[in-house]
């Protein structure tokens, strides 16, 4: 019964026990994982060609009307869509676990931290048109942004487990995730020059420098954003001993998550090192649902020490926000932990 009791107390936290009596215990230990996150690969929020729309640039229209005296002058822009290319981000993570309770009810708190980096390429197309009476100027711009991104990740999780019998337990808990992303990139714009030159002449400015191929001098861009996720989850765990000191287990949960609105900040720096402009974009938050499951094994090494190995995957299917339901966010990876009974 020693191995079964060890599993019953907290298979989800790899806790240990030496008897079947109801006894309060505390278990601690380090946790290591390598997790993949596809957040940077979701693209359904980008405007496709079928979503291209024309809008009036009111600020520039008013400036040009005042500068030229043409009250019928109108500036319109049309975003023709964007495409993004990047690799899935892998996070080596390290942290710790504390587990306490008795043979019937256990509570586990886990905290993890990791960092990683990736390169993202974003290409977009835009058309700008100026109309004055029956005269029009049109400009087509291709904007390419290549950004090196550094990402810090924090995971915090609190789980309660209750034993039902020797082979099953129920689980419930909450989870918090945070991604802090900072980037440094280069923006290159290729464009025709009719509108650009008209605006520069009308406002008494110098047109942006470009080479003979129509490519404007690159700008450096600095970006930063943070993404928080709050989740609640519940489910069951099943486990089967194999051998004298080993147990296989499976946990399956249903989770619901919420991501608040987030801000994406950009600062563009010109060749002279001065800030050309800054932008703040608000990304709409989302509610999501999905499965959270893990499969693995636990091995008792000594009377008070156990080894836990598992694979875990969490899927987030958006119910609201800017992404399509099928454009899910996926976290998955392997976890390794040692558990010491105090």
Protein backbone atom coordinates (compact mmCIF):
# COMPACT_ATOMS: atom_id res chain seq x y z
CA UNK A 1 0.00 0.00 0.00
CA UNK A 2 2.94 2.36 0.36
CA UNK A 3 3.17 3.15 -3.36
CA UNK A 4 -0.60 3.52 -3.78
CA UNK A 5 -0.82 5.93 -0.89
CA UNK A 6 1.99 8.02 -2.35
CA UNK A 7 0.04 8.37 -5.56
CA UNK A 8 -3.26 9.00 -3.86
CA UNK A 9 -1.94 11.88 -1.79
CA UNK A 10 -0.87 13.96 -4.74
CA UNK A 11 -0.07 12.32 -8.06
CA UNK A 12 -0.35 15.75 -9.64
CA UNK A 13 2.43 17.09 -7.41
CA UNK A 14 4.53 13.92 -7.00
CA UNK A 15 4.10 13.89 -3.23
CA UNK A 16 5.18 11.07 -0.90
CA UNK A 17 3.73 9.15 2.00
CA UNK A 18 4.81 6.24 4.15
CA UNK A 19 1.47 5.07 5.57
CA UNK A 20 -2.24 4.97 4.79
CA UNK A 21 -3.22 7.03 7.80
CA UNK A 22 -4.60 10.54 7.40
CA UNK A 23 -1.55 12.62 8.20
CA UNK A 24 -0.67 16.22 7.38
CA UNK A 25 2.52 16.47 5.34
CA UNK A 26 4.52 19.10 3.47
CA UNK A 27 6.35 18.25 0.23
CA UNK A 28 8.72 20.62 -1.58
CA UNK A 29 10.99 20.39 -4.60
CA UNK A 30 12.41 21.99 -7.75
CA UNK A 31 10.62 21.93 -11.10
CA UNK A 32 12.10 22.10 -14.59
CA UNK A 33 10.31 22.28 -17.93
CA UNK A 34 10.72 23.07 -21.59
CA UNK A 35 7.52 24.66 -22.85
CA UNK A 36 6.46 25.74 -26.33
CA UNK A 37 4.09 28.67 -26.87
CA UNK A 38 2.61 29.53 -30.28
CA UNK A 39 1.22 32.97 -29.31
CA UNK A 40 3.44 34.68 -31.90
CA UNK A 41 2.18 32.39 -34.69
CA UNK A 42 -1.49 33.36 -34.50
CA UNK A 43 -2.39 35.42 -37.55
CA UNK A 44 -6.18 35.55 -37.88
CA UNK A 45 -6.13 39.09 -36.41
CA UNK A 46 -4.11 40.33 -39.39
CA UNK A 47 -6.04 41.99 -42.19
CA UNK A 48 -6.15 39.88 -45.32
CA UNK A 49 -6.64 41.16 -48.85
CA UNK A 50 -10.36 40.39 -48.61
CA UNK A 51 -10.58 42.76 -45.63
CA UNK A 52 -8.92 45.72 -47.37
CA UNK A 53 -10.79 48.93 -46.62
CA UNK A 54 -10.39 52.58 -47.53
CA UNK A 55 -10.51 55.25 -44.83
CA UNK A 56 -10.01 59.00 -44.84
CA UNK A 57 -6.83 60.23 -43.15
CA UNK A 58 -8.54 63.16 -41.43
CA UNK A 59 -5.46 64.61 -39.75
CA UNK A 60 -3.37 64.75 -42.93
CA UNK A 61 -6.38 65.91 -44.96
CA UNK A 62 -6.89 68.89 -42.64
CA UNK A 63 -3.19 69.76 -42.65
CA UNK A 64 -3.00 69.71 -46.44
CA UNK A 65 -6.21 71.68 -46.88
CA UNK A 66 -4.82 74.38 -44.59
CA UNK A 67 -1.44 74.37 -46.37
CA UNK A 68 -2.74 74.35 -49.96
CA UNK A 69 -6.08 76.16 -49.64
CA UNK A 70 -7.89 73.37 -51.52
CA UNK A 71 -11.04 72.64 -49.52
CA UNK A 72 -11.96 69.69 -51.75
CA UNK A 73 -8.64 67.89 -51.11
CA UNK A 74 -9.00 64.43 -49.51
CA UNK A 75 -6.36 61.92 -48.40
CA UNK A 76 -7.42 58.28 -48.19
CA UNK A 77 -5.49 55.18 -47.15
CA UNK A 78 -6.19 51.53 -47.78
CA UNK A 79 -4.47 48.74 -45.87
CA UNK A 80 -4.14 45.85 -48.29
CA UNK A 81 -3.29 43.16 -45.74
CA UNK A 82 -0.37 41.78 -43.76
CA UNK A 83 1.59 38.56 -43.50
CA UNK A 84 3.70 37.37 -40.58
CA UNK A 85 6.50 34.80 -40.35
CA UNK A 86 8.09 33.51 -37.14
CA UNK A 87 9.12 30.37 -35.26
CA UNK A 88 7.31 28.87 -32.29
CA UNK A 89 8.94 30.02 -29.06
CA UNK A 90 10.48 27.43 -26.72
CA UNK A 91 10.97 28.34 -23.06
CA UNK A 92 13.41 26.55 -20.73
CA UNK A 93 11.83 27.15 -17.33
CA UNK A 94 12.83 26.60 -13.71
CA UNK A 95 10.86 26.95 -10.50
CA UNK A 96 9.63 25.23 -7.40
CA UNK A 97 6.69 23.42 -5.82
CA UNK A 98 5.18 23.19 -2.35
CA UNK A 99 2.45 20.64 -1.57
CA UNK A 100 0.61 20.18 1.72
CA UNK A 101 -2.38 18.32 3.13
CA UNK A 102 -3.36 14.79 4.13
CA UNK A 103 -4.30 11.51 2.44
CA UNK A 104 -7.69 12.92 1.33
CA UNK A 105 -7.09 16.56 0.38
CA UNK A 106 -3.89 18.11 -0.99
CA UNK A 107 -3.04 21.65 -2.16
CA UNK A 108 -0.16 22.34 -4.56
CA UNK A 109 1.45 25.69 -5.43
CA UNK A 110 3.89 25.84 -8.36
CA UNK A 111 5.86 28.85 -9.65
CA UNK A 112 7.98 28.84 -12.84
CA UNK A 113 10.10 31.39 -14.73
CA UNK A 114 11.78 31.22 -18.13
CA UNK A 115 13.02 33.39 -20.98
CA UNK A 116 13.51 32.94 -24.71
CA UNK A 117 13.91 34.87 -27.97
CA UNK A 118 12.64 34.77 -31.54
CA UNK A 119 12.70 36.71 -34.80
CA UNK A 120 9.46 37.94 -36.37
CA UNK A 121 9.00 39.28 -39.90
CA UNK A 122 5.89 41.32 -40.73
CA UNK A 123 5.14 42.46 -44.29
CA UNK A 124 2.22 44.73 -45.08
CA UNK A 125 0.95 46.75 -48.04
CA UNK A 126 -0.74 50.15 -48.04
CA UNK A 127 -2.15 52.44 -50.70
CA UNK A 128 -2.38 56.21 -50.13
CA UNK A 129 -4.30 58.48 -52.50
CA UNK A 130 -4.72 62.26 -52.68
CA UNK A 131 -7.61 63.65 -54.69
CA UNK A 132 -7.95 67.35 -55.57
CA UNK A 133 -10.88 68.12 -57.88
CA UNK A 134 -10.31 65.78 -60.82
CA UNK A 135 -6.60 65.25 -60.12
CA UNK A 136 -5.29 62.30 -58.11
CA UNK A 137 -1.96 61.09 -56.76
CA UNK A 138 -1.54 57.47 -55.69
CA UNK A 139 1.26 55.84 -53.77
CA UNK A 140 1.81 52.15 -53.00
CA UNK A 141 3.95 51.22 -50.00
CA UNK A 142 5.41 47.84 -49.01
CA UNK A 143 6.46 47.87 -45.35
CA UNK A 144 8.73 45.14 -43.98
CA UNK A 145 9.53 44.94 -40.28
CA UNK A 146 12.05 42.40 -38.96
CA UNK A 147 12.17 42.32 -35.16
CA UNK A 148 14.38 40.45 -32.69
CA UNK A 149 12.23 39.73 -29.64
CA UNK A 150 13.19 38.78 -26.07
CA UNK A 151 10.38 37.17 -24.08
CA UNK A 152 10.12 36.53 -20.33
CA UNK A 153 7.51 34.07 -19.08
CA UNK A 154 6.02 33.57 -15.60
CA UNK A 155 3.66 30.71 -14.65
CA UNK A 156 1.90 30.44 -11.28
CA UNK A 157 -0.56 27.67 -10.44
CA UNK A 158 -2.61 26.65 -7.41
CA UNK A 159 -4.32 23.23 -7.44
CA UNK A 160 -6.57 21.42 -4.99
CA UNK A 161 -6.93 17.63 -5.20
CA UNK A 162 -9.35 15.29 -3.41
CA UNK A 163 -8.98 11.51 -3.34
CA UNK A 164 -12.05 9.53 -4.41
CA UNK A 165 -10.57 6.03 -4.21
CA UNK A 166 -7.28 4.26 -4.88
CA UNK A 167 -7.33 5.00 -8.60
CA UNK A 168 -9.08 8.36 -9.04
CA UNK A 169 -9.01 11.92 -7.71
CA UNK A 170 -10.73 15.17 -8.67
CA UNK A 171 -8.85 18.41 -9.32
CA UNK A 172 -9.64 22.11 -9.37
CA UNK A 173 -7.46 25.19 -9.43
CA UNK A 174 -6.39 28.54 -10.84
CA UNK A 175 -3.46 29.54 -13.05
CA UNK A 176 -1.73 32.80 -13.99
CA UNK A 177 0.59 33.31 -16.96
CA UNK A 178 2.48 36.41 -18.06
CA UNK A 179 4.51 37.08 -21.21
CA UNK A 180 6.68 40.22 -21.30
CA UNK A 181 8.03 40.90 -24.79
CA UNK A 182 10.55 43.54 -25.84
CA UNK A 183 11.88 43.88 -29.36
CA UNK A 184 14.31 45.77 -31.54
CA UNK A 185 13.71 45.79 -35.26
CA UNK A 186 14.32 47.46 -38.60
CA UNK A 187 11.52 48.93 -40.70
CA UNK A 188 12.12 49.13 -44.45
CA UNK A 189 9.61 50.85 -46.74
CA UNK A 190 9.52 50.58 -50.52
CA UNK A 191 7.17 53.01 -52.21
CA UNK A 192 6.43 55.26 -55.15
CA UNK A 193 6.98 58.93 -54.45
CA UNK A 194 4.12 61.07 -55.84
CA UNK A 195 2.15 61.41 -52.60
CA UNK A 196 5.27 61.57 -50.45
CA UNK A 197 6.70 64.44 -52.49
CA UNK A 198 3.37 66.28 -52.71
CA UNK A 199 2.92 66.19 -48.93
CA UNK A 200 6.52 67.30 -48.31
CA UNK A 201 6.20 70.21 -50.73
CA UNK A 202 2.79 71.30 -49.37
CA UNK A 203 3.93 71.25 -45.74
CA UNK A 204 7.35 72.73 -46.44
CA UNK A 205 9.20 69.63 -45.26
CA UNK A 206 11.97 67.48 -46.67
CA UNK A 207 10.73 64.23 -48.12
CA UNK A 208 12.11 61.09 -46.45
CA UNK A 209 15.42 60.04 -47.99
CA UNK A 210 15.26 57.06 -50.32
CA UNK A 211 17.62 55.34 -52.74
CA UNK A 212 17.26 54.91 -56.50
CA UNK A 213 15.15 51.75 -56.07
CA UNK A 214 12.44 53.64 -54.21
CA UNK A 215 13.45 52.27 -50.81
CA UNK A 216 13.20 54.73 -47.94
CA UNK A 217 16.07 54.87 -45.48
CA UNK A 218 15.41 52.17 -42.81
CA UNK A 219 14.17 53.12 -39.38
CA UNK A 220 14.84 51.34 -36.11
CA UNK A 221 11.83 50.40 -34.03
CA UNK A 222 11.67 49.45 -30.36
CA UNK A 223 8.59 47.59 -29.12
CA UNK A 224 7.26 46.22 -25.85
CA UNK A 225 4.08 44.54 -24.71
CA UNK A 226 2.79 42.34 -21.88
CA UNK A 227 0.15 39.62 -22.06
CA UNK A 228 -1.60 38.29 -18.93
CA UNK A 229 -3.77 35.16 -18.77
CA UNK A 230 -6.00 34.17 -15.84
CA UNK A 231 -7.45 30.65 -15.85
CA UNK A 232 -9.75 28.45 -13.80
CA UNK A 233 -9.81 24.68 -14.32
CA UNK A 234 -11.26 21.43 -13.01
CA UNK A 235 -11.04 17.75 -13.90
CA UNK A 236 -9.93 14.27 -12.80
CA UNK A 237 -6.75 12.25 -12.38
CA UNK A 238 -6.41 8.52 -12.95
CA UNK A 239 -3.34 6.48 -12.02
CA UNK A 240 -2.11 2.88 -12.22
CA UNK A 241 0.91 1.50 -10.31
CA UNK A 242 3.46 -0.47 -12.33
CA UNK A 243 6.29 -2.13 -10.47
CA UNK A 244 6.94 -1.63 -6.77
CA UNK A 245 8.05 2.01 -6.95
CA UNK A 246 6.45 3.48 -10.03
CA UNK A 247 3.07 4.79 -11.10
CA UNK A 248 1.63 6.02 -14.40
CA UNK A 249 -0.97 8.78 -14.32
CA UNK A 250 -3.22 10.83 -16.56
CA UNK A 251 -4.98 14.08 -15.69
CA UNK A 252 -7.63 15.72 -17.83
CA UNK A 253 -9.19 19.11 -17.09
CA UNK A 254 -11.42 21.70 -18.73
CA UNK A 255 -10.17 25.27 -18.42
CA UNK A 256 -11.65 28.70 -19.02
CA UNK A 257 -9.32 31.68 -19.43
CA UNK A 258 -9.40 35.45 -19.72
CA UNK A 259 -6.80 37.77 -21.24
CA UNK A 260 -7.36 41.49 -20.47
CA UNK A 261 -6.76 44.17 -23.09
CA UNK A 262 -3.06 44.77 -23.68
CA UNK A 263 -1.00 47.65 -25.07
CA UNK A 264 1.59 47.30 -27.83
CA UNK A 265 4.03 50.23 -27.71
CA UNK A 266 6.32 51.20 -30.60
CA UNK A 267 9.01 53.87 -30.84
CA UNK A 268 10.53 54.64 -34.26
CA UNK A 269 14.07 56.05 -34.40
CA UNK A 270 15.52 57.78 -37.45
CA UNK A 271 19.07 57.69 -38.79
CA UNK A 272 20.05 60.64 -36.62
CA UNK A 273 19.09 58.73 -33.46
CA UNK A 274 16.06 60.89 -32.71
CA UNK A 275 12.56 59.53 -32.21
CA UNK A 276 10.51 60.02 -35.37
CA UNK A 277 7.20 58.95 -33.84
CA UNK A 278 5.71 56.68 -31.19
CA UNK A 279 2.56 54.59 -31.28
CA UNK A 280 0.38 52.79 -28.73
CA UNK A 281 -1.94 50.08 -30.05
CA UNK A 282 -4.57 48.48 -27.82
CA UNK A 283 -5.17 44.78 -28.49
CA UNK A 284 -8.59 43.53 -27.45
CA UNK A 285 -8.69 40.92 -24.68
CA UNK A 286 -10.29 37.53 -25.11
CA UNK A 287 -12.18 34.79 -23.32
CA UNK A 288 -11.21 31.22 -24.23
CA UNK A 289 -11.91 27.62 -23.30
CA UNK A 290 -10.10 24.36 -23.92
CA UNK A 291 -8.60 21.17 -22.53
CA UNK A 292 -5.66 20.90 -20.16
CA UNK A 293 -4.20 17.41 -19.93
CA UNK A 294 -1.04 15.72 -18.71
CA UNK A 295 0.36 12.19 -18.89
CA UNK A 296 3.43 10.91 -17.10
CA UNK A 297 5.03 8.72 -14.47
CA UNK A 298 6.19 9.03 -10.89
CA UNK A 299 9.09 7.08 -9.42
CA UNK A 300 9.84 6.74 -5.70
CA UNK A 301 13.62 6.95 -5.34
CA UNK A 302 13.88 6.77 -1.55
CA UNK A 303 11.44 6.82 1.36
CA UNK A 304 11.19 10.62 1.20
CA UNK A 305 12.17 11.43 -2.41
CA UNK A 306 10.30 10.97 -5.69
CA UNK A 307 10.89 11.83 -9.37
CA UNK A 308 8.05 13.14 -11.56
CA UNK A 309 8.16 13.15 -15.40
CA UNK A 310 5.22 14.33 -17.51
CA UNK A 311 4.07 15.85 -20.77
CA UNK A 312 1.44 18.59 -20.53
CA UNK A 313 -0.60 20.45 -23.15
CA UNK A 314 -3.05 23.37 -22.75
CA UNK A 315 -5.23 24.63 -25.60
CA UNK A 316 -7.02 28.00 -25.66
CA UNK A 317 -9.88 28.33 -28.18
CA UNK A 318 -10.98 32.01 -28.39
CA UNK A 319 -14.65 32.81 -27.74
CA UNK A 320 -14.17 36.58 -28.07
CA UNK A 321 -11.50 39.05 -29.14
CA UNK A 322 -9.58 39.51 -32.38
CA UNK A 323 -8.73 35.88 -33.16
CA UNK A 324 -10.86 33.21 -34.82
CA UNK A 325 -12.04 30.20 -32.80
CA UNK A 326 -9.84 27.89 -34.85
CA UNK A 327 -6.77 30.08 -34.35
CA UNK A 328 -6.05 28.56 -30.95
CA UNK A 329 -3.17 29.27 -28.64
CA UNK A 330 -1.26 26.14 -27.62
CA UNK A 331 1.14 25.64 -24.71
CA UNK A 332 2.80 22.26 -24.43
CA UNK A 333 6.00 20.68 -23.22
CA UNK A 334 7.80 18.30 -20.88
CA UNK A 335 8.14 18.70 -17.12
CA UNK A 336 10.61 17.20 -14.68
CA UNK A 337 10.49 17.51 -10.90
CA UNK A 338 11.88 16.17 -7.64
CA UNK A 339 9.69 16.01 -4.53
CA UNK A 340 11.07 15.84 -0.99
CA UNK A 341 8.78 15.02 1.93
CA UNK A 342 9.74 17.12 4.96
